[in-house]
Amino acid sequence: MDRPNCIFCRIVTGELASSKVYEDDRILAFMDIQPVRPGQVLVIPKEHIDHFSDIPDDLAQWLFARVHRISGAIKSKLKPQRVGLVVNGYGVAHAHMIIVPQEHEHDITSGRMAKIENGEIVFSMKNLALASREELNLLADLIR
């Protein structure tokens, strides 16, 4: 069911403009208006689904197969160093996957990796603590 206040639902219905990359009866892919790098694409189910993990399996498989194809087109046409995929759950409360053409390892990163050194923001994996094997095993058991 569409939500009238959801910006992505309004894009699906055509109420708001978008630069479409791909569309079928289940999903829509369109250019991100605030890209990390040129060529960043958002891929959404047309049905309003709040959390990505709530997407039914068949739709998730359909969506990811199209994300895979679009990522290949971005790689071929724009020739970035890498093409990254992000599902972060924030921003718009409508499930979406972000395809990011990457020219730098920090084009997809976490604020937890950031610190200020000599007045500049520096990103480093060194800022992330290593989890213990015990913690990792407990989490793996819980998730499994």
N, C-alpha and C. Protein backbone atom coordinates (compact mmCIF):
# COMPACT_ATOMS: atom_id res chain seq x y z
N MET A 1 0.84 -1.18 0.00
CA MET A 1 0.00 0.00 0.00
C MET A 1 0.89 1.25 0.00
N ASP A 2 0.60 2.17 -0.89
CA ASP A 2 1.38 3.40 -0.96
C ASP A 2 1.08 4.28 0.25
N ARG A 3 2.07 5.02 0.65
CA ARG A 3 1.93 5.96 1.75
C ARG A 3 2.04 7.37 1.17
N PRO A 4 1.03 8.21 1.34
CA PRO A 4 1.03 9.53 0.70
C PRO A 4 2.16 10.45 1.14
N ASN A 5 2.72 10.24 2.32
CA ASN A 5 3.81 11.11 2.79
C ASN A 5 5.19 10.55 2.46
N CYS A 6 5.24 9.36 1.87
CA CYS A 6 6.53 8.74 1.53
C CYS A 6 7.00 9.29 0.19
N ILE A 7 8.19 9.88 0.19
CA ILE A 7 8.72 10.48 -1.04
C ILE A 7 8.91 9.43 -2.13
N PHE A 8 9.30 8.20 -1.76
CA PHE A 8 9.50 7.17 -2.77
C PHE A 8 8.16 6.71 -3.35
N CYS A 9 7.13 6.61 -2.53
CA CYS A 9 5.79 6.27 -3.04
C CYS A 9 5.30 7.34 -4.00
N ARG A 10 5.61 8.59 -3.71
CA ARG A 10 5.21 9.70 -4.58
C ARG A 10 5.98 9.65 -5.90
N ILE A 11 7.20 9.15 -5.87
CA ILE A 11 7.97 8.96 -7.11
C ILE A 11 7.35 7.82 -7.92
N VAL A 12 7.00 6.72 -7.24
CA VAL A 12 6.38 5.57 -7.91
C VAL A 12 5.10 5.99 -8.63
N THR A 13 4.26 6.79 -7.98
CA THR A 13 2.98 7.20 -8.59
C THR A 13 3.15 8.27 -9.66
N GLY A 14 4.34 8.86 -9.77
CA GLY A 14 4.57 9.90 -10.76
C GLY A 14 4.27 11.30 -10.24
N GLU A 15 3.86 11.40 -8.98
CA GLU A 15 3.58 12.71 -8.40
C GLU A 15 4.86 13.55 -8.33
N LEU A 16 5.98 12.89 -8.08
CA LEU A 16 7.29 13.57 -8.08
C LEU A 16 8.12 13.02 -9.23
N ALA A 17 8.90 13.89 -9.82
CA ALA A 17 9.73 13.51 -10.97
C ALA A 17 10.91 12.65 -10.53
N SER A 18 11.35 11.79 -11.43
CA SER A 18 12.57 11.02 -11.21
C SER A 18 13.22 10.74 -12.56
N SER A 19 14.49 10.44 -12.51
CA SER A 19 15.23 10.04 -13.71
C SER A 19 15.34 8.52 -13.64
N LYS A 20 14.43 7.85 -14.34
CA LYS A 20 14.32 6.40 -14.25
C LYS A 20 15.45 5.69 -14.99
N VAL A 21 15.96 4.66 -14.35
CA VAL A 21 16.97 3.81 -14.94
C VAL A 21 16.33 2.49 -15.37
N TYR A 22 15.39 2.00 -14.56
CA TYR A 22 14.71 0.73 -14.84
C TYR A 22 13.36 0.76 -14.13
N GLU A 23 12.37 0.15 -14.77
CA GLU A 23 11.06 0.03 -14.13
C GLU A 23 10.35 -1.20 -14.67
N ASP A 24 9.71 -1.92 -13.78
CA ASP A 24 8.78 -2.98 -14.16
C ASP A 24 7.61 -2.91 -13.19
N ASP A 25 6.76 -3.92 -13.17
CA ASP A 25 5.58 -3.85 -12.32
C ASP A 25 5.89 -4.01 -10.83
N ARG A 26 7.13 -4.41 -10.47
CA ARG A 26 7.47 -4.67 -9.07
C ARG A 26 8.45 -3.68 -8.46
N ILE A 27 9.37 -3.17 -9.28
CA ILE A 27 10.42 -2.30 -8.75
C ILE A 27 10.65 -1.09 -9.64
N LEU A 28 11.33 -0.11 -9.06
CA LEU A 28 11.72 1.09 -9.78
C LEU A 28 13.16 1.43 -9.39
N ALA A 29 13.96 1.75 -10.39
CA ALA A 29 15.34 2.20 -10.16
C ALA A 29 15.47 3.60 -10.76
N PHE A 30 16.01 4.52 -9.98
CA PHE A 30 16.12 5.89 -10.44
C PHE A 30 17.37 6.54 -9.86
N MET A 31 17.80 7.63 -10.50
CA MET A 31 19.00 8.33 -10.09
C MET A 31 18.79 9.01 -8.74
N ASP A 32 19.79 8.92 -7.88
CA ASP A 32 19.77 9.56 -6.57
C ASP A 32 20.07 11.04 -6.75
N ILE A 33 19.25 11.91 -6.15
CA ILE A 33 19.47 13.35 -6.33
C ILE A 33 20.59 13.89 -5.44
N GLN A 34 21.06 13.07 -4.48
CA GLN A 34 22.19 13.47 -3.64
C GLN A 34 23.24 12.37 -3.65
N PRO A 35 23.89 12.16 -4.80
CA PRO A 35 24.83 11.05 -4.91
C PRO A 35 26.17 11.31 -4.24
N VAL A 36 26.76 10.24 -3.75
CA VAL A 36 28.15 10.30 -3.29
C VAL A 36 29.04 10.51 -4.51
N ARG A 37 28.73 9.81 -5.58
CA ARG A 37 29.43 9.94 -6.87
C ARG A 37 28.37 9.98 -7.97
N PRO A 38 28.65 10.64 -9.09
CA PRO A 38 27.71 10.64 -10.21
C PRO A 38 27.40 9.20 -10.64
N GLY A 39 26.13 8.94 -10.90
CA GLY A 39 25.72 7.62 -11.33
C GLY A 39 25.12 6.78 -10.22
N GLN A 40 24.98 7.34 -9.03
CA GLN A 40 24.39 6.61 -7.90
C GLN A 40 22.91 6.39 -8.16
N VAL A 41 22.45 5.15 -7.96
CA VAL A 41 21.08 4.76 -8.28
C VAL A 41 20.39 4.18 -7.05
N LEU A 42 19.12 4.52 -6.88
CA LEU A 42 18.27 3.94 -5.84
C LEU A 42 17.36 2.91 -6.49
N VAL A 43 17.22 1.76 -5.85
CA VAL A 43 16.33 0.71 -6.35
C VAL A 43 15.35 0.38 -5.23
N ILE A 44 14.05 0.48 -5.55
CA ILE A 44 13.02 0.32 -4.53
C ILE A 44 11.93 -0.63 -5.01
N PRO A 45 11.28 -1.32 -4.07
CA PRO A 45 10.05 -2.01 -4.45
C PRO A 45 8.97 -0.95 -4.64
N LYS A 46 8.09 -1.15 -5.59
CA LYS A 46 7.01 -0.18 -5.80
C LYS A 46 6.04 -0.18 -4.63
N GLU A 47 5.84 -1.32 -4.05
CA GLU A 47 4.99 -1.43 -2.86
C GLU A 47 5.72 -0.80 -1.68
N HIS A 48 5.00 -0.06 -0.86
CA HIS A 48 5.64 0.54 0.31
C HIS A 48 5.94 -0.55 1.33
N ILE A 49 7.24 -0.77 1.54
CA ILE A 49 7.73 -1.70 2.55
C ILE A 49 8.75 -0.92 3.35
N ASP A 50 8.53 -0.79 4.65
CA ASP A 50 9.37 0.06 5.49
C ASP A 50 10.79 -0.49 5.62
N HIS A 51 10.92 -1.72 6.05
CA HIS A 51 12.24 -2.31 6.32
C HIS A 51 12.65 -3.25 5.19
N PHE A 52 13.90 -3.16 4.79
CA PHE A 52 14.41 -4.02 3.72
C PHE A 52 14.22 -5.49 4.07
N SER A 53 14.40 -5.84 5.34
CA SER A 53 14.27 -7.24 5.77
C SER A 53 12.83 -7.74 5.70
N ASP A 54 11.86 -6.86 5.49
CA ASP A 54 10.45 -7.26 5.37
C ASP A 54 10.04 -7.54 3.93
N ILE A 55 10.95 -7.33 2.99
CA ILE A 55 10.64 -7.61 1.59
C ILE A 55 10.48 -9.13 1.45
N PRO A 56 9.39 -9.60 0.84
CA PRO A 56 9.23 -11.04 0.63
C PRO A 56 10.39 -11.60 -0.19
N ASP A 57 10.75 -12.85 0.08
CA ASP A 57 11.92 -13.47 -0.56
C ASP A 57 11.90 -13.36 -2.08
N ASP A 58 10.76 -13.65 -2.70
CA ASP A 58 10.71 -13.62 -4.16
C ASP A 58 10.96 -12.21 -4.70
N LEU A 59 10.43 -11.21 -4.03
CA LEU A 59 10.66 -9.83 -4.45
C LEU A 59 12.11 -9.42 -4.19
N ALA A 60 12.67 -9.85 -3.07
CA ALA A 60 14.08 -9.54 -2.77
C ALA A 60 15.00 -10.13 -3.84
N GLN A 61 14.72 -11.35 -4.27
CA GLN A 61 15.52 -11.98 -5.32
C GLN A 61 15.37 -11.22 -6.64
N TRP A 62 14.14 -10.85 -6.96
CA TRP A 62 13.86 -10.08 -8.18
C TRP A 62 14.63 -8.75 -8.14
N LEU A 63 14.52 -8.05 -7.01
CA LEU A 63 15.17 -6.75 -6.85
C LEU A 63 16.68 -6.89 -6.97
N PHE A 64 17.25 -7.88 -6.28
CA PHE A 64 18.71 -8.01 -6.31
C PHE A 64 19.22 -8.38 -7.69
N ALA A 65 18.47 -9.18 -8.44
CA ALA A 65 18.89 -9.53 -9.80
C ALA A 65 18.96 -8.28 -10.67
N ARG A 66 18.01 -7.37 -10.50
CA ARG A 66 18.02 -6.12 -11.27
C ARG A 66 19.14 -5.20 -10.78
N VAL A 67 19.37 -5.16 -9.47
CA VAL A 67 20.49 -4.39 -8.92
C VAL A 67 21.80 -4.88 -9.53
N HIS A 68 21.93 -6.19 -9.64
CA HIS A 68 23.14 -6.79 -10.22
C HIS A 68 23.33 -6.32 -11.66
N ARG A 69 22.26 -6.33 -12.45
CA ARG A 69 22.35 -5.89 -13.84
C ARG A 69 22.69 -4.40 -13.95
N ILE A 70 22.03 -3.60 -13.13
CA ILE A 70 22.28 -2.15 -13.16
C ILE A 70 23.71 -1.87 -12.73
N SER A 71 24.19 -2.59 -11.72
CA SER A 71 25.58 -2.43 -11.27
C SER A 71 26.55 -2.73 -12.41
N GLY A 72 26.26 -3.76 -13.18
CA GLY A 72 27.10 -4.10 -14.34
C GLY A 72 27.09 -3.00 -15.39
N ALA A 73 25.92 -2.41 -15.61
CA ALA A 73 25.84 -1.31 -16.58
C ALA A 73 26.63 -0.10 -16.09
N ILE A 74 26.53 0.20 -14.80
CA ILE A 74 27.29 1.31 -14.22
C ILE A 74 28.79 1.04 -14.38
N LYS A 75 29.20 -0.17 -14.08
CA LYS A 75 30.63 -0.54 -14.21
C LYS A 75 31.08 -0.38 -15.66
N SER A 76 30.27 -0.85 -16.60
CA SER A 76 30.63 -0.81 -18.01
C SER A 76 30.63 0.61 -18.58
N LYS A 77 29.61 1.39 -18.26
CA LYS A 77 29.45 2.71 -18.88
C LYS A 77 30.22 3.82 -18.17
N LEU A 78 30.24 3.78 -16.83
CA LEU A 78 30.89 4.86 -16.08
C LEU A 78 32.32 4.53 -15.68
N LYS A 79 32.66 3.26 -15.68
CA LYS A 79 34.00 2.76 -15.37
C LYS A 79 34.57 3.23 -14.02
N PRO A 80 33.77 3.11 -12.96
CA PRO A 80 34.32 3.44 -11.63
C PRO A 80 35.31 2.37 -11.20
N GLN A 81 36.09 2.66 -10.16
CA GLN A 81 37.02 1.65 -9.64
C GLN A 81 36.26 0.45 -9.10
N ARG A 82 35.16 0.71 -8.41
CA ARG A 82 34.31 -0.33 -7.81
C ARG A 82 32.86 0.13 -7.90
N VAL A 83 31.95 -0.83 -7.74
CA VAL A 83 30.54 -0.51 -7.59
C VAL A 83 30.11 -1.13 -6.28
N GLY A 84 29.65 -0.29 -5.35
CA GLY A 84 29.24 -0.76 -4.03
C GLY A 84 27.73 -0.75 -3.89
N LEU A 85 27.25 -1.57 -2.95
CA LEU A 85 25.83 -1.65 -2.66
C LEU A 85 25.61 -1.33 -1.20
N VAL A 86 24.58 -0.54 -0.93
CA VAL A 86 24.28 -0.14 0.45
C VAL A 86 22.80 -0.38 0.73
N VAL A 87 22.53 -0.98 1.86
CA VAL A 87 21.19 -1.04 2.43
C VAL A 87 21.38 -0.56 3.86
N ASN A 88 20.98 0.69 4.15
CA ASN A 88 21.26 1.19 5.49
C ASN A 88 20.03 1.41 6.34
N GLY A 89 18.85 1.47 5.74
CA GLY A 89 17.63 1.57 6.52
C GLY A 89 17.29 2.96 7.04
N TYR A 90 18.12 3.94 6.75
CA TYR A 90 17.84 5.31 7.18
C TYR A 90 17.59 6.17 5.96
N GLY A 91 17.28 7.42 6.20
CA GLY A 91 16.97 8.33 5.10
C GLY A 91 15.48 8.33 4.84
N VAL A 92 15.04 7.53 3.91
CA VAL A 92 13.62 7.40 3.58
C VAL A 92 13.12 6.07 4.14
N ALA A 93 12.01 6.10 4.86
CA ALA A 93 11.45 4.89 5.47
C ALA A 93 10.66 4.09 4.44
N HIS A 94 11.35 3.68 3.41
CA HIS A 94 10.82 2.84 2.33
C HIS A 94 12.02 2.01 1.90
N ALA A 95 11.90 0.70 1.96
CA ALA A 95 13.03 -0.17 1.65
C ALA A 95 13.70 0.26 0.35
N HIS A 96 15.01 0.33 0.37
CA HIS A 96 15.73 0.70 -0.84
C HIS A 96 17.18 0.20 -0.77
N MET A 97 17.72 -0.05 -1.95
CA MET A 97 19.12 -0.41 -2.09
C MET A 97 19.77 0.71 -2.90
N ILE A 98 20.98 1.07 -2.51
CA ILE A 98 21.70 2.15 -3.16
C ILE A 98 22.89 1.54 -3.90
N ILE A 99 23.00 1.85 -5.18
CA ILE A 99 24.14 1.41 -5.98
C ILE A 99 25.08 2.60 -6.10
N VAL A 100 26.31 2.44 -5.61
CA VAL A 100 27.26 3.55 -5.54
C VAL A 100 28.48 3.29 -6.41
N PRO A 101 28.68 4.07 -7.49
CA PRO A 101 29.94 3.99 -8.21
C PRO A 101 31.03 4.54 -7.29
N GLN A 102 32.06 3.77 -7.05
CA GLN A 102 33.09 4.17 -6.09
C GLN A 102 34.39 4.52 -6.78
N GLU A 103 34.94 5.64 -6.38
CA GLU A 103 36.26 6.06 -6.84
C GLU A 103 37.26 6.09 -5.68
N HIS A 104 36.75 5.85 -4.48
CA HIS A 104 37.60 5.88 -3.29
C HIS A 104 37.05 4.90 -2.28
N GLU A 105 37.89 4.31 -1.49
CA GLU A 105 37.46 3.31 -0.53
C GLU A 105 36.47 3.86 0.50
N HIS A 106 36.44 5.17 0.70
CA HIS A 106 35.54 5.76 1.68
C HIS A 106 34.25 6.30 1.08
N ASP A 107 33.99 5.98 -0.19
CA ASP A 107 32.72 6.39 -0.78
C ASP A 107 31.55 5.68 -0.09
N ILE A 108 31.82 4.54 0.51
CA ILE A 108 30.84 3.87 1.37
C ILE A 108 31.58 3.63 2.68
N THR A 109 31.13 4.30 3.72
CA THR A 109 31.84 4.18 4.98
C THR A 109 30.91 4.43 6.15
N SER A 110 31.43 4.30 7.33
CA SER A 110 30.66 4.50 8.55
C SER A 110 31.23 5.67 9.33
N GLY A 111 30.35 6.43 9.94
CA GLY A 111 30.80 7.53 10.80
C GLY A 111 31.67 7.04 11.95
N ARG A 112 31.52 5.76 12.31
CA ARG A 112 32.35 5.19 13.38
C ARG A 112 33.81 5.08 12.96
N MET A 113 34.06 5.19 11.67
CA MET A 113 35.44 5.11 11.18
C MET A 113 36.11 6.49 11.16
N ALA A 114 35.34 7.53 11.46
CA ALA A 114 35.85 8.90 11.33
C ALA A 114 36.46 9.41 12.64
N LYS A 115 37.51 10.18 12.48
CA LYS A 115 38.07 10.92 13.61
C LYS A 115 38.73 12.17 13.03
N ILE A 116 38.98 13.12 13.89
CA ILE A 116 39.61 14.35 13.44
C ILE A 116 41.09 14.31 13.79
N GLU A 117 41.91 14.51 12.78
CA GLU A 117 43.36 14.58 12.96
C GLU A 117 43.85 15.85 12.28
N ASN A 118 44.57 16.68 13.00
CA ASN A 118 45.11 17.92 12.46
C ASN A 118 44.04 18.76 11.76
N GLY A 119 42.84 18.81 12.37
CA GLY A 119 41.76 19.62 11.86
C GLY A 119 41.03 19.05 10.66
N GLU A 120 41.35 17.82 10.26
CA GLU A 120 40.69 17.19 9.12
C GLU A 120 40.03 15.90 9.55
N ILE A 121 38.93 15.56 8.90
CA ILE A 121 38.27 14.28 9.16
C ILE A 121 39.04 13.19 8.43
N VAL A 122 39.42 12.17 9.17
CA VAL A 122 40.17 11.04 8.62
C VAL A 122 39.37 9.78 8.89
N PHE A 123 39.23 8.93 7.87
CA PHE A 123 38.53 7.65 8.04
C PHE A 123 39.55 6.54 8.12
N SER A 124 39.35 5.64 9.06
CA SER A 124 40.28 4.54 9.22
C SER A 124 39.60 3.36 9.89
N MET A 125 39.89 2.18 9.39
CA MET A 125 39.39 0.96 10.02
C MET A 125 39.99 0.81 11.42
N LYS A 126 41.11 1.48 11.67
CA LYS A 126 41.77 1.39 12.99
C LYS A 126 40.87 1.92 14.10
N ASN A 127 39.88 2.75 13.75
CA ASN A 127 38.97 3.30 14.75
C ASN A 127 37.91 2.30 15.20
N LEU A 128 37.80 1.18 14.48
CA LEU A 128 36.82 0.16 14.83
C LEU A 128 37.49 -0.92 15.67
N ALA A 129 36.93 -1.21 16.82
CA ALA A 129 37.49 -2.25 17.69
C ALA A 129 37.27 -3.62 17.07
N LEU A 130 38.22 -4.52 17.28
CA LEU A 130 38.07 -5.89 16.84
C LEU A 130 37.19 -6.64 17.83
N ALA A 131 36.22 -7.35 17.32
CA ALA A 131 35.34 -8.15 18.17
C ALA A 131 36.07 -9.43 18.57
N SER A 132 35.78 -9.92 19.76
CA SER A 132 36.39 -11.17 20.20
C SER A 132 35.72 -12.34 19.48
N ARG A 133 36.45 -13.45 19.36
CA ARG A 133 35.88 -14.64 18.73
C ARG A 133 34.65 -15.10 19.50
N GLU A 134 34.71 -14.99 20.83
CA GLU A 134 33.57 -15.39 21.66
C GLU A 134 32.33 -14.56 21.29
N GLU A 135 32.50 -13.25 21.18
CA GLU A 135 31.38 -12.38 20.82
C GLU A 135 30.86 -12.72 19.43
N LEU A 136 31.79 -12.94 18.49
CA LEU A 136 31.39 -13.27 17.13
C LEU A 136 30.63 -14.59 17.08
N ASN A 137 31.11 -15.59 17.82
CA ASN A 137 30.44 -16.89 17.85
C ASN A 137 29.05 -16.79 18.47
N LEU A 138 28.93 -16.00 19.55
CA LEU A 138 27.62 -15.81 20.18
C LEU A 138 26.64 -15.15 19.21
N LEU A 139 27.09 -14.14 18.52
CA LEU A 139 26.24 -13.45 17.56
C LEU A 139 25.87 -14.37 16.38
N ALA A 140 26.85 -15.14 15.92
CA ALA A 140 26.59 -16.07 14.82
C ALA A 140 25.53 -17.10 15.24
N ASP A 141 25.66 -17.62 16.47
CA ASP A 141 24.68 -18.58 16.99
C ASP A 141 23.30 -17.95 17.08
N LEU A 142 23.25 -16.72 17.54
CA LEU A 142 21.98 -16.02 17.70
C LEU A 142 21.30 -15.81 16.35
N ILE A 143 22.07 -15.37 15.36
CA ILE A 143 21.54 -15.08 14.03
C ILE A 143 21.16 -16.37 13.30
N ARG A 144 21.97 -17.40 13.47
CA ARG A 144 21.71 -18.68 12.81
C ARG A 144 20.38 -19.23 13.23
